[in-house]
Amino acid sequence: MTLDTTPLTEPIDRRALREFRRTLPSTVRPKLATVLLPIALLAVPFVFMIMFLTAVGFDQFIVRDKGPSSLVAFVPVIAMPVVAITLLVRALRQRNGVRQFRIAEFARANSFSYSPRTERPWFPGMIFEREGQSSSYSTDIVSREGGAPTTIANHTSIVGSGKNRSVYRWGYVALRLATPLPNIVLDAQKNNSWGRAALPVALAARQRLSLEGDFDQHFALYCPAGYEADALYLFTPDIMARFIDNAASFDIEIIDDYLFLYAQGELSTLDPELWKQLLATVEVLSQRVRQWARWRDERLDAGGAAWAEGAAIPNYDRRAGVAPQGRRLARRADWWWIVGALLAIFGFYNIFKDLL
């Protein structure tokens, strides 16, 4: 596809930016406090220093306190303006609407739609799970409808509060499929560290399926028990080759009638090259997974098969084309940190037991 990335880098019409900024929701619009706080941190130390040196006298301060070494006391005061300037620049860059304006113009130039923020998006993927989350939201959402509905955005999940608060950030691509499929996960080996998957959930090892060729070197594939033949039907050699060539840096989840690409970092950005690579990947995968529309779950009864073919029924369930046992992968308890803690305690005990 021909992609116009000039809105991401070209000079901005400031009048158009001001008009656009008025349309942003309160969660995105510039807030006065985000600018005033850094300015206050910048001004107070200087005012304090000037008042102090004016009252005491700089030369008297140096003589009385025995030389320039006394200036060490002013290090925290001098450091505060540096921190303040950093915070001010960051606040202005994040809150002036330029980023949102550029991505919105990029989306418009390429026949996409844009939304600056959505609270708790109702996607079925693992990064959107609501259990334990105090809040979650997606930002800089670029999407399109049509033959291959696609959404590209960044997602933030906040779990817990206070000292137990954790923030998780992901970039994702959501590609709508023509039919519901079993829950299949491809854990990219490239982004794992210390033998630990980058996935936000731990999957039961008994569900891992080895495929032919060098696919296992790039992905660990998990499918529900009893769906091994279905996974082999879906992941033909040409499909595996495309995933290796175009998506080896992403964790991938197929769930209900969606295919998700996950990345630990932003995907909806101001980087033209990233957009080119990302949309080229989406185009290739969209073409290849069209053949998946022919898949049907033989475990369903006649009514279920009719649902899979899209028959009109009340309260249509996106998962209805898959039998219940294939809709979600089994999870496992992640005990590695408990084992690690016990080993550490045992090691310290052996080292220091003679001192006890």
Protein backbone atom coordinates (compact mmCIF):
# COMPACT_ATOMS: atom_id res chain seq x y z
CA MET A 1 0.00 0.00 0.00
CA THR A 2 1.10 3.60 -0.65
CA LEU A 3 1.56 5.33 2.69
CA ASP A 4 1.72 9.10 3.23
CA THR A 5 3.90 9.74 6.29
CA THR A 6 4.52 13.47 5.72
CA PRO A 7 2.03 14.56 8.45
CA LEU A 8 4.31 12.88 11.01
CA THR A 9 7.25 15.16 10.20
CA GLU A 10 6.18 18.22 8.18
CA PRO A 11 5.74 21.71 9.74
CA ILE A 12 2.46 22.16 11.60
CA ASP A 13 -0.23 24.74 10.92
CA ARG A 14 -0.50 26.32 14.38
CA ARG A 15 -4.04 27.55 13.79
CA ALA A 16 -5.16 24.04 12.86
CA LEU A 17 -3.34 22.72 15.94
CA ARG A 18 -5.22 25.14 18.22
CA GLU A 19 -8.54 24.07 16.71
CA PHE A 20 -7.63 20.41 17.07
CA ARG A 21 -6.54 20.85 20.68
CA ARG A 22 -10.03 22.09 21.61
CA THR A 23 -11.46 18.74 20.47
CA LEU A 24 -9.25 16.66 22.75
CA PRO A 25 -10.84 15.11 25.87
CA SER A 26 -9.93 16.44 29.31
CA THR A 27 -7.65 13.45 29.90
CA VAL A 28 -5.47 14.58 26.97
CA ARG A 29 -5.83 18.38 26.84
CA PRO A 30 -3.03 20.50 28.35
CA LYS A 31 -3.52 21.01 32.09
CA LEU A 32 -2.35 24.18 33.81
CA ALA A 33 -0.81 22.28 36.73
CA THR A 34 1.50 20.29 34.47
CA VAL A 35 3.11 23.55 33.32
CA LEU A 36 2.91 25.60 36.52
CA LEU A 37 4.54 22.95 38.73
CA PRO A 38 7.81 22.81 36.77
CA ILE A 39 7.86 26.63 36.57
CA ALA A 40 7.43 26.81 40.35
CA LEU A 41 10.23 24.31 40.89
CA LEU A 42 12.35 26.40 38.54
CA ALA A 43 11.63 29.75 40.17
CA VAL A 44 11.70 28.95 43.90
CA PRO A 45 15.34 27.78 44.15
CA PHE A 46 16.62 30.83 42.27
CA VAL A 47 14.55 33.23 44.38
CA PHE A 48 15.77 31.51 47.53
CA MET A 49 19.41 31.65 46.41
CA ILE A 50 19.25 35.31 45.39
CA MET A 51 17.55 36.32 48.64
CA PHE A 52 20.06 34.39 50.73
CA LEU A 53 23.16 35.73 48.98
CA THR A 54 21.77 39.26 48.98
CA ALA A 55 21.23 39.10 52.73
CA VAL A 56 24.57 37.47 53.58
CA GLY A 57 26.75 38.67 50.74
CA PHE A 58 28.42 36.24 48.41
CA ASP A 59 32.00 37.20 49.35
CA GLN A 60 31.19 37.04 53.06
CA PHE A 61 29.58 33.63 52.60
CA ILE A 62 32.72 32.26 50.94
CA VAL A 63 35.10 33.70 53.58
CA ARG A 64 32.96 32.79 56.57
CA ASP A 65 32.43 29.22 55.48
CA LYS A 66 36.08 28.70 54.54
CA GLY A 67 36.18 28.63 50.81
CA PRO A 68 34.35 27.34 47.75
CA SER A 69 33.75 23.93 49.35
CA SER A 70 30.85 25.53 51.17
CA LEU A 71 29.03 25.73 47.86
CA VAL A 72 28.34 22.00 48.19
CA ALA A 73 25.37 23.00 50.30
CA PHE A 74 23.85 24.61 47.22
CA VAL A 75 24.07 21.49 45.05
CA PRO A 76 20.45 20.40 45.75
CA VAL A 77 19.25 23.93 45.06
CA ILE A 78 21.17 24.07 41.80
CA ALA A 79 19.90 20.62 40.80
CA MET A 80 16.25 21.58 41.26
CA PRO A 81 16.15 23.92 38.22
CA VAL A 82 17.67 21.18 36.06
CA VAL A 83 14.94 18.78 37.15
CA ALA A 84 12.34 21.52 36.67
CA ILE A 85 13.44 22.27 33.12
CA THR A 86 13.31 18.56 32.27
CA LEU A 87 9.78 18.27 33.70
CA LEU A 88 8.67 21.43 31.91
CA VAL A 89 9.94 20.26 28.52
CA ARG A 90 8.37 16.85 29.05
CA ALA A 91 5.03 18.37 30.11
CA LEU A 92 4.93 20.71 27.13
CA ARG A 93 5.82 17.94 24.69
CA GLN A 94 3.23 15.53 26.09
CA ARG A 95 0.43 17.99 26.70
CA ASN A 96 0.57 20.44 23.81
CA GLY A 97 -1.41 18.18 21.49
CA VAL A 98 1.29 18.05 18.80
CA ARG A 99 1.70 14.28 18.99
CA GLN A 100 -2.05 13.65 18.79
CA PHE A 101 -2.41 16.19 15.96
CA ARG A 102 0.32 14.59 13.87
CA ILE A 103 -1.03 11.05 14.28
CA ALA A 104 -4.59 12.25 13.57
CA GLU A 105 -3.43 13.96 10.37
CA PHE A 106 -1.45 10.88 9.39
CA ALA A 107 -4.56 8.74 9.91
CA ARG A 108 -6.72 11.11 7.85
CA ALA A 109 -4.18 11.23 5.01
CA ASN A 110 -4.26 7.42 4.78
CA SER A 111 -8.03 6.87 5.14
CA PHE A 112 -7.85 5.74 8.76
CA SER A 113 -9.87 7.07 11.67
CA TYR A 114 -8.28 8.43 14.85
CA SER A 115 -9.25 8.57 18.51
CA PRO A 116 -6.96 10.07 21.16
CA ARG A 117 -8.10 7.84 24.02
CA THR A 118 -10.54 5.06 24.92
CA GLU A 119 -11.19 3.88 28.46
CA ARG A 120 -11.23 0.12 29.06
CA PRO A 121 -11.43 -1.03 25.42
CA TRP A 122 -13.50 -4.19 25.11
CA PHE A 123 -11.12 -6.36 23.18
CA PRO A 124 -10.81 -10.02 24.21
CA GLY A 125 -6.98 -10.22 24.20
CA MET A 126 -4.81 -11.05 27.22
CA ILE A 127 -3.45 -7.51 27.69
CA PHE A 128 -7.01 -6.21 28.05
CA GLU A 129 -8.07 -8.56 30.85
CA ARG A 130 -9.93 -6.62 33.52
CA GLU A 131 -9.37 -8.86 36.52
CA GLY A 132 -7.23 -7.04 39.07
CA GLN A 133 -7.01 -3.83 37.03
CA SER A 134 -7.83 -0.54 38.70
CA SER A 135 -7.92 1.16 35.30
CA SER A 136 -6.87 0.67 31.69
CA TYR A 137 -6.98 2.76 28.56
CA SER A 138 -5.79 2.85 24.96
CA THR A 139 -4.30 5.97 23.35
CA ASP A 140 -3.53 7.22 19.84
CA ILE A 141 -5.95 4.74 18.29
CA VAL A 142 -5.65 4.47 14.52
CA SER A 143 -8.23 2.19 12.90
CA ARG A 144 -9.98 1.32 9.67
CA GLU A 145 -13.00 -0.68 8.67
CA GLY A 146 -13.58 -2.43 5.36
CA GLY A 147 -12.33 -5.78 4.13
CA ALA A 148 -9.68 -6.15 6.86
CA PRO A 149 -10.75 -4.15 9.94
CA THR A 150 -7.60 -3.12 11.82
CA THR A 151 -6.81 -1.15 14.96
CA ILE A 152 -3.33 0.04 15.99
CA ALA A 153 -2.86 1.71 19.37
CA ASN A 154 -0.98 1.86 22.66
CA HIS A 155 -2.44 0.37 25.82
CA THR A 156 -1.83 1.05 29.51
CA SER A 157 -3.06 -1.16 32.35
CA ILE A 158 -2.82 -0.10 35.99
CA VAL A 159 -3.00 -2.82 38.63
CA GLY A 160 -3.28 -2.12 42.35
CA SER A 161 -2.83 1.20 44.12
CA GLY A 162 -0.40 3.00 46.39
CA LYS A 163 2.86 1.14 46.97
CA ASN A 164 1.42 -1.92 45.25
CA ARG A 165 0.58 0.01 42.07
CA SER A 166 2.04 -1.41 38.85
CA VAL A 167 1.77 0.09 35.36
CA TYR A 168 2.04 -2.06 32.22
CA ARG A 169 2.37 -0.53 28.76
CA TRP A 170 1.91 -2.27 25.44
CA GLY A 171 1.54 -1.47 21.78
CA TYR A 172 -0.92 -3.61 19.85
CA VAL A 173 -2.43 -4.35 16.48
CA ALA A 174 -5.94 -5.82 16.43
CA LEU A 175 -6.86 -7.52 13.16
CA ARG A 176 -10.48 -8.65 12.83
CA LEU A 177 -10.90 -12.14 11.38
CA ALA A 178 -13.69 -13.48 9.22
CA THR A 179 -14.60 -16.27 11.67
CA PRO A 180 -13.95 -17.14 15.34
CA LEU A 181 -10.93 -19.38 15.90
CA PRO A 182 -9.49 -21.36 18.82
CA ASN A 183 -7.40 -19.42 21.33
CA ILE A 184 -3.83 -19.79 20.00
CA VAL A 185 -0.78 -17.90 21.27
CA LEU A 186 2.59 -17.49 19.56
CA ASP A 187 5.21 -16.52 22.13
CA ALA A 188 8.00 -14.76 20.22
CA GLN A 189 11.37 -16.09 21.36
CA LYS A 190 13.14 -12.88 20.29
CA ASN A 191 11.66 -10.75 23.08
CA ASN A 192 12.01 -13.27 25.92
CA SER A 193 14.67 -12.72 28.57
CA TRP A 194 16.29 -15.06 31.10
CA GLY A 195 14.12 -17.85 29.73
CA ARG A 196 10.98 -15.97 30.77
CA ALA A 197 8.23 -15.09 28.29
CA ALA A 198 7.26 -11.46 27.83
CA LEU A 199 3.57 -12.43 27.84
CA PRO A 200 1.40 -10.88 30.58
CA VAL A 201 0.03 -14.31 31.54
CA ALA A 202 1.62 -17.73 32.11
CA LEU A 203 0.28 -20.53 29.91
CA ALA A 204 0.19 -24.22 30.85
CA ALA A 205 3.18 -25.95 29.25
CA ARG A 206 1.13 -29.03 28.27
CA GLN A 207 -0.55 -26.91 25.57
CA ARG A 208 2.66 -26.20 23.68
CA LEU A 209 2.73 -27.66 20.16
CA SER A 210 5.91 -28.14 18.15
CA LEU A 211 5.69 -27.34 14.43
CA GLU A 212 7.91 -28.39 11.57
CA GLY A 213 10.96 -26.58 10.22
CA ASP A 214 12.58 -23.78 12.21
CA PHE A 215 9.29 -22.27 13.38
CA ASP A 216 9.99 -23.32 16.98
CA GLN A 217 13.17 -21.25 16.95
CA HIS A 218 11.08 -18.13 16.43
CA PHE A 219 7.80 -18.89 18.24
CA ALA A 220 6.47 -21.17 20.95
CA LEU A 221 2.94 -22.07 19.86
CA TYR A 222 0.23 -22.83 22.44
CA CYS A 223 -3.17 -24.23 21.50
CA PRO A 224 -6.01 -25.74 23.59
CA ALA A 225 -5.84 -29.46 24.30
CA GLY A 226 -7.51 -31.41 21.51
CA TYR A 227 -6.99 -28.62 18.94
CA GLU A 228 -3.54 -29.70 17.74
CA ALA A 229 -4.86 -30.82 14.33
CA ASP A 230 -6.71 -27.51 13.96
CA ALA A 231 -3.51 -25.57 14.69
CA LEU A 232 -1.68 -27.58 12.04
CA TYR A 233 -4.51 -26.85 9.59
CA LEU A 234 -4.30 -23.10 10.30
CA PHE A 235 -0.51 -22.83 10.34
CA THR A 236 0.42 -24.19 6.95
CA PRO A 237 4.06 -23.83 5.80
CA ASP A 238 3.34 -20.62 3.87
CA ILE A 239 1.58 -19.07 6.89
CA MET A 240 4.48 -20.03 9.17
CA ALA A 241 6.96 -18.50 6.74
CA ARG A 242 5.03 -15.21 6.67
CA PHE A 243 4.90 -15.02 10.45
CA ILE A 244 8.63 -15.67 10.71
CA ASP A 245 9.46 -13.07 8.03
CA ASN A 246 7.04 -10.35 9.10
CA ALA A 247 6.07 -10.79 12.74
CA ALA A 248 8.91 -12.54 14.59
CA SER A 249 9.34 -9.59 16.99
CA PHE A 250 5.71 -9.66 18.15
CA ASP A 251 3.85 -11.88 20.58
CA ILE A 252 0.71 -13.00 18.78
CA GLU A 253 -2.67 -14.07 20.09
CA ILE A 254 -5.62 -15.46 18.17
CA ILE A 255 -8.76 -15.24 20.25
CA ASP A 256 -12.43 -15.22 19.22
CA ASP A 257 -12.48 -13.42 15.85
CA TYR A 258 -9.33 -11.34 16.41
CA LEU A 259 -5.63 -11.69 15.73
CA PHE A 260 -3.47 -9.50 17.98
CA LEU A 261 0.15 -8.45 17.65
CA TYR A 262 1.64 -7.30 20.98
CA ALA A 263 4.82 -5.30 21.57
CA GLN A 264 6.35 -4.05 24.81
CA GLY A 265 6.51 -0.45 23.69
CA GLU A 266 4.47 1.99 21.64
CA LEU A 267 3.32 1.10 18.15
CA SER A 268 1.24 4.19 17.41
CA THR A 269 4.10 6.69 17.24
CA LEU A 270 5.60 9.57 15.24
CA ASP A 271 8.14 7.25 13.61
CA PRO A 272 7.44 7.01 9.84
CA GLU A 273 9.62 3.93 9.39
CA LEU A 274 7.81 2.05 12.14
CA TRP A 275 4.46 2.82 10.50
CA LYS A 276 5.73 1.58 7.13
CA GLN A 277 6.98 -1.68 8.61
CA LEU A 278 3.88 -2.16 10.74
CA LEU A 279 1.32 -1.59 7.99
CA ALA A 280 3.32 -3.71 5.55
CA THR A 281 3.16 -6.52 8.12
CA VAL A 282 -0.59 -6.01 8.59
CA GLU A 283 -1.16 -6.12 4.83
CA VAL A 284 0.80 -9.35 4.38
CA LEU A 285 -0.88 -11.10 7.32
CA SER A 286 -4.34 -9.90 6.27
CA GLN A 287 -3.89 -11.52 2.87
CA ARG A 288 -2.60 -14.79 4.29
CA VAL A 289 -5.14 -15.35 7.06
CA ARG A 290 -8.11 -14.98 4.72
CA GLN A 291 -7.90 -18.70 4.08
CA TRP A 292 -8.72 -19.24 7.78
CA ALA A 293 -12.32 -18.20 7.02
CA ARG A 294 -12.96 -21.77 5.84
CA TRP A 295 -12.16 -23.28 9.25
CA ARG A 296 -15.06 -24.80 11.20
CA ASP A 297 -15.08 -26.44 14.62
CA GLU A 298 -16.37 -29.98 14.14
CA ARG A 299 -17.05 -30.26 17.89
CA LEU A 300 -20.08 -27.99 17.60
CA ASP A 301 -23.57 -29.30 17.10
CA ALA A 302 -25.73 -28.20 14.17
CA GLY A 303 -26.80 -25.03 15.94
CA GLY A 304 -23.22 -24.09 16.72
CA ALA A 305 -22.18 -24.69 13.11
CA ALA A 306 -24.94 -22.37 11.96
CA TRP A 307 -23.64 -19.69 14.32
CA ALA A 308 -20.13 -20.10 12.94
CA GLU A 309 -21.48 -19.39 9.47
CA GLY A 310 -22.90 -16.09 10.69
CA ALA A 311 -26.60 -16.96 10.91
CA ALA A 312 -28.66 -14.25 12.56
CA ILE A 313 -29.31 -15.18 16.18
CA PRO A 314 -30.21 -13.08 19.22
CA ASN A 315 -27.27 -11.79 21.32
CA TYR A 316 -24.64 -13.05 18.89
CA ASP A 317 -21.55 -14.32 20.72
CA ARG A 318 -18.26 -13.72 18.89
CA ARG A 319 -16.97 -17.02 20.32
CA ALA A 320 -19.91 -19.08 19.11
CA GLY A 321 -17.97 -20.60 16.23
CA VAL A 322 -15.64 -22.43 18.67
CA ALA A 323 -16.58 -25.10 21.18
CA PRO A 324 -16.16 -23.99 24.83
CA GLN A 325 -13.02 -26.10 25.40
CA GLY A 326 -11.22 -24.30 22.57
CA ARG A 327 -12.13 -20.72 23.43
CA ARG A 328 -9.49 -20.06 26.10
CA LEU A 329 -6.06 -21.48 26.86
CA ALA A 330 -5.38 -22.91 30.31
CA ARG A 331 -3.22 -20.81 32.62
CA ARG A 332 -0.59 -21.97 35.06
CA ALA A 333 0.46 -20.55 38.40
CA ASP A 334 3.74 -18.65 38.01
CA TRP A 335 5.81 -20.15 40.83
CA TRP A 336 9.26 -19.22 39.55
CA TRP A 337 9.66 -16.21 41.88
CA ILE A 338 8.71 -18.30 44.94
CA VAL A 339 11.25 -20.97 44.02
CA GLY A 340 13.85 -18.27 43.41
CA ALA A 341 13.18 -16.66 46.78
CA LEU A 342 13.48 -20.01 48.59
CA LEU A 343 16.76 -20.77 46.82
CA ALA A 344 18.11 -17.33 47.74
CA ILE A 345 17.16 -17.81 51.39
CA PHE A 346 18.77 -21.25 51.41
CA GLY A 347 21.93 -19.84 49.84
CA PHE A 348 22.23 -17.00 52.35
CA TYR A 349 21.65 -19.42 55.20
CA ASN A 350 24.51 -21.66 54.06
CA ILE A 351 26.82 -18.66 53.74
CA PHE A 352 26.06 -17.07 57.09
CA LYS A 353 25.05 -20.06 59.22
CA ASP A 354 28.43 -20.11 60.93
CA LEU A 355 27.89 -16.51 62.04
CA LEU A 356 24.48 -17.21 63.55
